Amino acid sequence: MVTLKFNNSYIKSWYSIGGVDEEKGNIKDADKYLSDLYYGEKTHEKAEIKMVEEVITTMKKDNKIDLIIGGNLSNQLGTMNIALRDINTSFLGLYSACATFAESVINASSLLQNKAISNALVITNSHALTSERQFRFPVEYGSLKNCYTTNTITAAVGVVLTNEKTPYKISSATIGGVVDYGIKDVANMGAIMAPAAALVIKEHLYNTNTTMDNYDYILTGDLGNVGLTLLQSVLKDDYGIVTDKIMDAGSIIYKKSQNKCAGGSGPTCLPFAFFNRFIQDKKIKKVLLVGTGALHNPTLVNQKNSIPSIAHLIEIEVNHDAN
């Protein structure tokens, strides 16, 4: 797998909106939380569009943006495309399921590295009810959930990357490949994605000649409680990597009392947790973020195909003394 090195990609600022359940959970420092899932609109899709619009307009107030890059779970990036139709800024729409944020950071950092741009807005979003309707069943259907099921979080996150030095440097990234362990259960996203996460972690450590001792922790995207356990098993059994430094964003977003089964999922899990809980921790110096994505196509699943997965990894170095 390909590992890229960057020397001029830095995190400048970020802005995030969380949903109703997210405010009740463990992540308390988002810039804004919704009072209801309709966000004053007639449909949940329009609410999702409004969230994206707000993140973009907020970030553009204080930043010169050369390029917007990102994606979400909406078919053909529909909600994001509508949000951007009145924004006169270059846009690259990407899809890597719930690994889209990491993929977007890699692409933005590559353009910064090549000095093609000076500033990029990386953005992703998700909405619990729009995702459930698209990929599984509308909530009104009343489908029962298995204990290993994860729940799409409602959030929108925007991050400005720049070539100006800041305390937060994107130093490298490893681009993952498609992995398929033959799982067909659309509720078991953690099991589907865990092997892809294990593979990209192993490849990054090998390509950079590092070990887990070189990092403060690894934060995966949205494996949930079950997927996190499976990731640790795959790392140990397949690659001989044993570590207690792995955390999963989806598994910590909600409280146990919220009854969210195996935890949270969605492309916003990773950035929502990292930028609202971890990034300003004075103790961290070097971390790995692993975006995990189940490449779930409902049509192909209905034709009895298994669900492939992918994971992309970004390495962040933090220098709090640079503030």
Protein backbone atom coordinates (compact mmCIF):
# COMPACT_ATOMS: atom_id res chain seq x y z
CA MET A 1 0.00 0.00 0.00
CA VAL A 2 1.08 3.56 -0.71
CA THR A 3 2.29 5.78 2.14
CA LEU A 4 2.65 9.49 1.41
CA LYS A 5 4.79 12.02 3.28
CA PHE A 6 3.68 15.64 3.70
CA ASN A 7 5.71 18.62 4.85
CA ASN A 8 3.32 21.53 4.37
CA SER A 9 -0.16 20.37 5.34
CA TYR A 10 -1.45 21.79 8.61
CA ILE A 11 -4.78 21.95 10.42
CA LYS A 12 -5.79 25.58 10.85
CA SER A 13 -9.34 25.54 12.25
CA TRP A 14 -12.47 23.43 12.57
CA TYR A 15 -16.19 23.77 13.15
CA SER A 16 -18.76 21.11 13.99
CA ILE A 17 -22.48 20.66 14.52
CA GLY A 18 -23.91 17.74 16.46
CA GLY A 19 -27.38 16.26 16.73
CA VAL A 20 -29.76 15.78 19.63
CA ASP A 21 -28.42 12.41 20.75
CA GLU A 22 -24.83 13.56 20.28
CA GLU A 23 -25.35 16.40 22.78
CA LYS A 24 -26.60 13.85 25.31
CA GLY A 25 -23.50 11.72 24.77
CA ASN A 26 -19.83 12.05 25.74
CA ILE A 27 -18.72 14.70 23.21
CA LYS A 28 -19.64 18.04 24.76
CA ASP A 29 -17.47 20.58 22.94
CA ALA A 30 -19.06 20.85 19.48
CA ASP A 31 -19.72 24.40 18.33
CA LYS A 32 -23.45 23.78 18.04
CA TYR A 33 -26.07 21.08 18.67
CA LEU A 34 -29.45 20.68 16.99
CA SER A 35 -32.59 21.02 19.10
CA ASP A 36 -34.42 18.58 16.82
CA LEU A 37 -33.51 16.35 13.87
CA TYR A 38 -35.56 18.40 11.41
CA TYR A 39 -33.50 21.54 12.18
CA GLY A 40 -36.51 23.68 11.26
CA GLU A 41 -36.92 22.00 7.85
CA LYS A 42 -39.64 19.79 6.39
CA THR A 43 -37.44 16.72 5.80
CA HIS A 44 -34.37 15.20 7.38
CA GLU A 45 -32.53 15.50 4.06
CA LYS A 46 -33.14 19.25 4.08
CA ALA A 47 -31.91 19.36 7.65
CA GLU A 48 -28.70 17.65 6.54
CA ILE A 49 -28.31 20.17 3.70
CA LYS A 50 -28.76 23.04 6.15
CA MET A 51 -26.04 21.64 8.41
CA VAL A 52 -23.57 21.53 5.51
CA GLU A 53 -24.46 25.05 4.42
CA GLU A 54 -23.89 26.36 7.93
CA VAL A 55 -20.50 24.70 8.28
CA ILE A 56 -19.33 26.07 4.93
CA THR A 57 -20.53 29.63 5.48
CA THR A 58 -19.06 29.68 8.99
CA MET A 59 -15.66 28.46 7.85
CA LYS A 60 -15.53 30.83 4.87
CA LYS A 61 -16.07 33.87 7.09
CA ASP A 62 -12.56 33.73 8.54
CA ASN A 63 -10.68 31.66 5.97
CA LYS A 64 -9.70 32.06 2.34
CA ILE A 65 -10.80 28.77 0.79
CA ASP A 66 -9.31 27.68 -2.54
CA LEU A 67 -11.05 24.32 -2.62
CA ILE A 68 -13.79 22.43 -0.81
CA ILE A 69 -13.25 18.70 -0.73
CA GLY A 70 -15.30 16.00 0.94
CA GLY A 71 -18.32 13.76 0.81
CA ASN A 72 -21.03 12.01 2.78
CA LEU A 73 -23.32 8.97 2.70
CA SER A 74 -26.08 10.55 0.62
CA ASN A 75 -26.66 8.97 -2.80
CA GLN A 76 -24.40 10.70 -5.35
CA LEU A 77 -23.44 13.09 -2.53
CA GLY A 78 -26.89 14.61 -3.03
CA THR A 79 -27.20 16.61 0.18
CA MET A 80 -23.69 18.03 -0.17
CA ASN A 81 -24.15 18.95 -3.83
CA ILE A 82 -27.33 20.88 -3.07
CA ALA A 83 -25.63 22.68 -0.18
CA LEU A 84 -22.81 23.75 -2.52
CA ARG A 85 -24.85 24.91 -5.49
CA ASP A 86 -24.78 28.57 -4.41
CA ILE A 87 -21.18 28.45 -3.12
CA ASN A 88 -18.83 29.79 -5.77
CA THR A 89 -15.86 27.64 -4.78
CA SER A 90 -14.11 24.72 -6.48
CA PHE A 91 -15.37 21.39 -5.16
CA LEU A 92 -14.07 17.83 -5.28
CA GLY A 93 -16.70 15.34 -4.17
CA LEU A 94 -15.34 12.05 -2.80
CA TYR A 95 -16.92 8.84 -1.59
CA SER A 96 -15.24 6.24 0.56
CA ALA A 97 -18.23 5.55 2.82
CA CYS A 98 -17.31 6.27 6.42
CA ALA A 99 -13.63 6.57 5.46
CA THR A 100 -14.43 9.67 3.38
CA PHE A 101 -13.00 12.19 5.86
CA ALA A 102 -9.59 10.49 5.89
CA GLU A 103 -9.63 10.17 2.09
CA SER A 104 -10.49 13.88 1.78
CA VAL A 105 -7.63 14.88 4.09
CA ILE A 106 -5.22 12.78 2.01
CA ASN A 107 -6.32 14.43 -1.23
CA ALA A 108 -6.25 17.93 0.24
CA SER A 109 -2.80 17.35 1.74
CA SER A 110 -1.50 16.09 -1.61
CA LEU A 111 -2.67 19.29 -3.32
CA LEU A 112 -1.08 21.38 -0.58
CA GLN A 113 2.12 19.37 -0.90
CA ASN A 114 2.20 20.08 -4.64
CA LYS A 115 1.57 23.78 -3.93
CA ALA A 116 -1.50 23.71 -6.17
CA ILE A 117 -3.56 25.37 -3.42
CA SER A 118 -2.94 27.21 -0.16
CA ASN A 119 -6.10 26.41 1.80
CA ALA A 120 -8.71 23.67 1.57
CA LEU A 121 -11.92 23.04 3.46
CA VAL A 122 -12.41 19.35 4.19
CA ILE A 123 -16.02 18.58 5.05
CA THR A 124 -18.24 15.62 5.81
CA ASN A 125 -21.68 15.11 7.29
CA SER A 126 -24.26 12.47 8.18
CA HIS A 127 -27.78 12.27 9.54
CA ALA A 128 -29.13 9.31 11.49
CA LEU A 129 -32.53 9.14 9.85
CA THR A 130 -31.51 9.84 6.25
CA SER A 131 -28.85 7.12 6.42
CA GLU A 132 -31.17 4.56 7.98
CA ARG A 133 -33.75 5.19 5.26
CA GLN A 134 -31.19 4.88 2.48
CA PHE A 135 -29.19 1.89 3.63
CA ARG A 136 -31.51 -0.17 5.82
CA PHE A 137 -35.09 0.71 6.85
CA PRO A 138 -36.88 3.97 7.65
CA VAL A 139 -37.05 4.42 11.42
CA GLU A 140 -40.86 4.48 11.14
CA TYR A 141 -40.72 0.85 10.00
CA GLY A 142 -39.78 -0.15 13.53
CA SER A 143 -37.08 -2.65 12.60
CA LEU A 144 -35.43 -4.22 15.64
CA LYS A 145 -31.67 -3.80 16.05
CA ASN A 146 -29.12 -6.45 16.87
CA CYS A 147 -26.72 -5.89 19.74
CA TYR A 148 -23.84 -5.45 17.29
CA THR A 149 -25.63 -2.76 15.27
CA THR A 150 -24.15 0.74 15.17
CA ASN A 151 -26.16 3.96 14.79
CA THR A 152 -25.30 6.69 12.30
CA ILE A 153 -24.52 9.88 14.17
CA THR A 154 -26.04 13.22 13.19
CA ALA A 155 -23.26 15.74 12.65
CA ALA A 156 -21.42 17.95 10.19
CA VAL A 157 -17.71 18.77 10.50
CA GLY A 158 -15.54 21.18 8.53
CA VAL A 159 -11.74 21.41 8.84
CA VAL A 160 -9.48 23.94 7.13
CA LEU A 161 -6.11 22.60 5.98
CA THR A 162 -3.42 25.11 5.08
CA ASN A 163 0.23 25.39 4.06
CA GLU A 164 0.78 27.85 6.92
CA LYS A 165 2.47 26.28 9.94
CA THR A 166 0.21 25.52 12.90
CA PRO A 167 0.61 23.24 15.93
CA TYR A 168 -1.18 20.43 14.05
CA LYS A 169 0.69 18.88 11.12
CA ILE A 170 -0.54 16.18 8.74
CA SER A 171 2.79 14.40 8.41
CA SER A 172 1.90 11.27 6.45
CA ALA A 173 -0.89 9.02 5.26
CA THR A 174 -1.40 5.47 4.07
CA ILE A 175 -4.00 4.79 1.40
CA GLY A 176 -5.87 1.57 2.11
CA GLY A 177 -7.21 -1.05 -0.27
CA VAL A 178 -10.53 -2.87 -0.56
CA VAL A 179 -10.95 -5.82 1.81
CA ASP A 180 -13.83 -8.31 1.78
CA TYR A 181 -14.24 -11.05 4.40
CA GLY A 182 -17.51 -12.26 2.87
CA ILE A 183 -19.89 -10.68 5.41
CA LYS A 184 -23.40 -9.94 4.12
CA ASP A 185 -25.10 -8.67 7.26
CA VAL A 186 -25.88 -4.94 6.74
CA ALA A 187 -26.15 -4.45 10.50
CA ASN A 188 -22.68 -5.80 11.27
CA MET A 189 -20.60 -2.86 10.03
CA GLY A 190 -17.92 -3.25 12.68
CA ALA A 191 -17.07 -6.78 11.59
CA ILE A 192 -17.04 -5.70 7.94
CA MET A 193 -14.58 -2.84 8.51
CA ALA A 194 -12.23 -4.25 11.17
CA PRO A 195 -10.05 -6.26 8.72
CA ALA A 196 -9.51 -3.21 6.50
CA ALA A 197 -8.50 -1.14 9.52
CA ALA A 198 -6.05 -3.81 10.68
CA LEU A 199 -4.47 -4.03 7.24
CA VAL A 200 -3.87 -0.30 6.81
CA ILE A 201 -2.43 -0.02 10.33
CA LYS A 202 -0.05 -2.89 9.65
CA GLU A 203 0.98 -1.40 6.29
CA HIS A 204 1.60 2.04 7.78
CA LEU A 205 3.80 0.70 10.54
CA TYR A 206 5.78 -1.33 8.01
CA ASN A 207 6.12 1.46 5.44
CA THR A 208 7.22 4.03 8.03
CA ASN A 209 9.43 1.60 9.98
CA THR A 210 7.61 2.44 13.20
CA THR A 211 5.87 0.52 15.97
CA MET A 212 2.95 1.34 18.23
CA ASP A 213 5.48 2.76 20.70
CA ASN A 214 5.99 5.70 18.32
CA TYR A 215 2.38 6.88 18.74
CA ASP A 216 0.27 8.08 21.62
CA TYR A 217 -2.81 6.29 20.30
CA ILE A 218 -4.73 5.18 17.24
CA LEU A 219 -8.26 6.50 16.84
CA THR A 220 -10.43 4.52 14.42
CA GLY A 221 -13.57 5.91 12.85
CA ASP A 222 -16.71 3.96 13.50
CA LEU A 223 -16.07 0.31 14.26
CA GLY A 224 -18.17 0.48 17.41
CA ASN A 225 -17.63 -1.73 20.43
CA VAL A 226 -17.86 -5.01 18.52
CA GLY A 227 -15.68 -3.87 15.63
CA LEU A 228 -13.03 -2.53 17.98
CA THR A 229 -12.74 -5.91 19.70
CA LEU A 230 -12.51 -7.63 16.33
CA LEU A 231 -9.83 -5.18 15.15
CA GLN A 232 -7.66 -6.02 18.13
CA SER A 233 -8.14 -9.73 17.41
CA VAL A 234 -7.19 -9.39 13.72
CA LEU A 235 -4.13 -7.30 14.55
CA LYS A 236 -2.96 -9.92 17.04
CA ASP A 237 -3.86 -13.09 15.14
CA ASP A 238 -2.95 -12.00 11.60
CA TYR A 239 -0.13 -9.51 12.13
CA GLY A 240 1.25 -10.15 15.62
CA ILE A 241 0.44 -6.61 16.78
CA VAL A 242 -0.70 -6.37 20.39
CA THR A 243 -1.55 -2.93 21.74
CA ASP A 244 -3.80 -1.13 24.20
CA LYS A 245 -3.46 2.18 22.35
CA ILE A 246 -6.43 1.77 20.01
CA MET A 247 -9.67 3.67 20.62
CA ASP A 248 -12.73 3.95 18.43
CA ALA A 249 -14.67 7.17 17.96
CA GLY A 250 -17.97 5.39 17.43
CA SER A 251 -17.62 3.48 20.67
CA ILE A 252 -17.13 6.60 22.82
CA ILE A 253 -19.57 9.12 21.32
CA TYR A 254 -22.63 7.82 23.18
CA LYS A 255 -23.18 6.93 26.81
CA LYS A 256 -24.21 3.37 27.69
CA SER A 257 -27.47 4.70 29.10
CA GLN A 258 -28.47 5.94 25.62
CA ASN A 259 -29.00 2.36 24.43
CA LYS A 260 -27.18 2.77 21.11
CA CYS A 261 -26.27 -0.91 20.80
CA ALA A 262 -22.62 -1.12 19.62
CA GLY A 263 -22.19 2.66 19.39
CA GLY A 264 -21.98 5.27 16.66
CA SER A 265 -21.18 5.07 12.96
CA GLY A 266 -20.93 7.36 9.96
CA PRO A 267 -18.23 9.47 8.27
CA THR A 268 -18.48 12.20 10.91
CA CYS A 269 -17.63 9.90 13.84
CA LEU A 270 -13.87 10.26 13.44
CA PRO A 271 -13.61 14.06 12.99
CA PHE A 272 -16.45 14.80 15.45
CA ALA A 273 -14.69 12.90 18.23
CA PHE A 274 -11.14 13.95 17.38
CA PHE A 275 -11.72 17.69 17.01
CA ASN A 276 -14.08 17.99 19.95
CA ARG A 277 -12.32 15.78 22.46
CA PHE A 278 -8.76 14.78 21.57
CA ILE A 279 -6.88 17.34 19.48
CA GLN A 280 -6.20 19.84 22.26
CA ASP A 281 -4.97 17.25 24.73
CA LYS A 282 -1.63 18.68 25.85
CA LYS A 283 -0.18 15.20 26.32
CA ILE A 284 -0.38 14.03 22.71
CA LYS A 285 2.46 14.43 20.23
CA LYS A 286 1.78 11.93 17.48
CA VAL A 287 -1.45 10.08 16.66
CA LEU A 288 -2.90 7.96 13.89
CA LEU A 289 -6.46 8.48 12.66
CA VAL A 290 -8.01 5.60 10.74
CA GLY A 291 -11.12 6.29 8.69
CA THR A 292 -13.10 3.05 8.29
CA GLY A 293 -15.71 2.51 5.61
CA ALA A 294 -18.17 -0.28 4.76
CA LEU A 295 -18.71 -0.01 1.00
CA HIS A 296 -22.36 -0.94 1.29
CA ASN A 297 -24.37 -0.90 -1.93
CA PRO A 298 -28.01 -1.79 -1.14
CA THR A 299 -28.70 -3.14 -4.64
CA LEU A 300 -25.71 -5.48 -4.58
CA VAL A 301 -26.51 -6.60 -1.03
CA ASN A 302 -30.05 -7.44 -2.14
CA GLN A 303 -28.45 -9.57 -4.85
CA LYS A 304 -26.71 -11.55 -2.09
CA ASN A 305 -23.26 -10.02 -2.56
CA SER A 306 -20.97 -9.54 0.42
CA ILE A 307 -19.97 -6.07 1.61
CA PRO A 308 -16.38 -4.92 0.94
CA SER A 309 -14.63 -2.38 3.14
CA ILE A 310 -11.76 0.08 3.09
CA ALA A 311 -9.73 2.11 5.56
CA HIS A 312 -7.41 5.09 5.10
CA LEU A 313 -4.91 6.32 7.69
CA ILE A 314 -3.58 9.79 8.43
CA GLU A 315 -0.74 10.64 10.83
CA ILE A 316 -0.90 13.86 12.82
CA GLU A 317 1.96 15.43 14.75
CA VAL A 318 1.07 17.92 17.46
CA ASN A 319 3.37 20.65 18.79
CA HIS A 320 1.49 22.59 21.44
CA ASP A 321 4.53 24.82 22.04
CA ALA A 322 3.94 26.33 18.60
CA ASN A 323 0.81 28.12 19.83
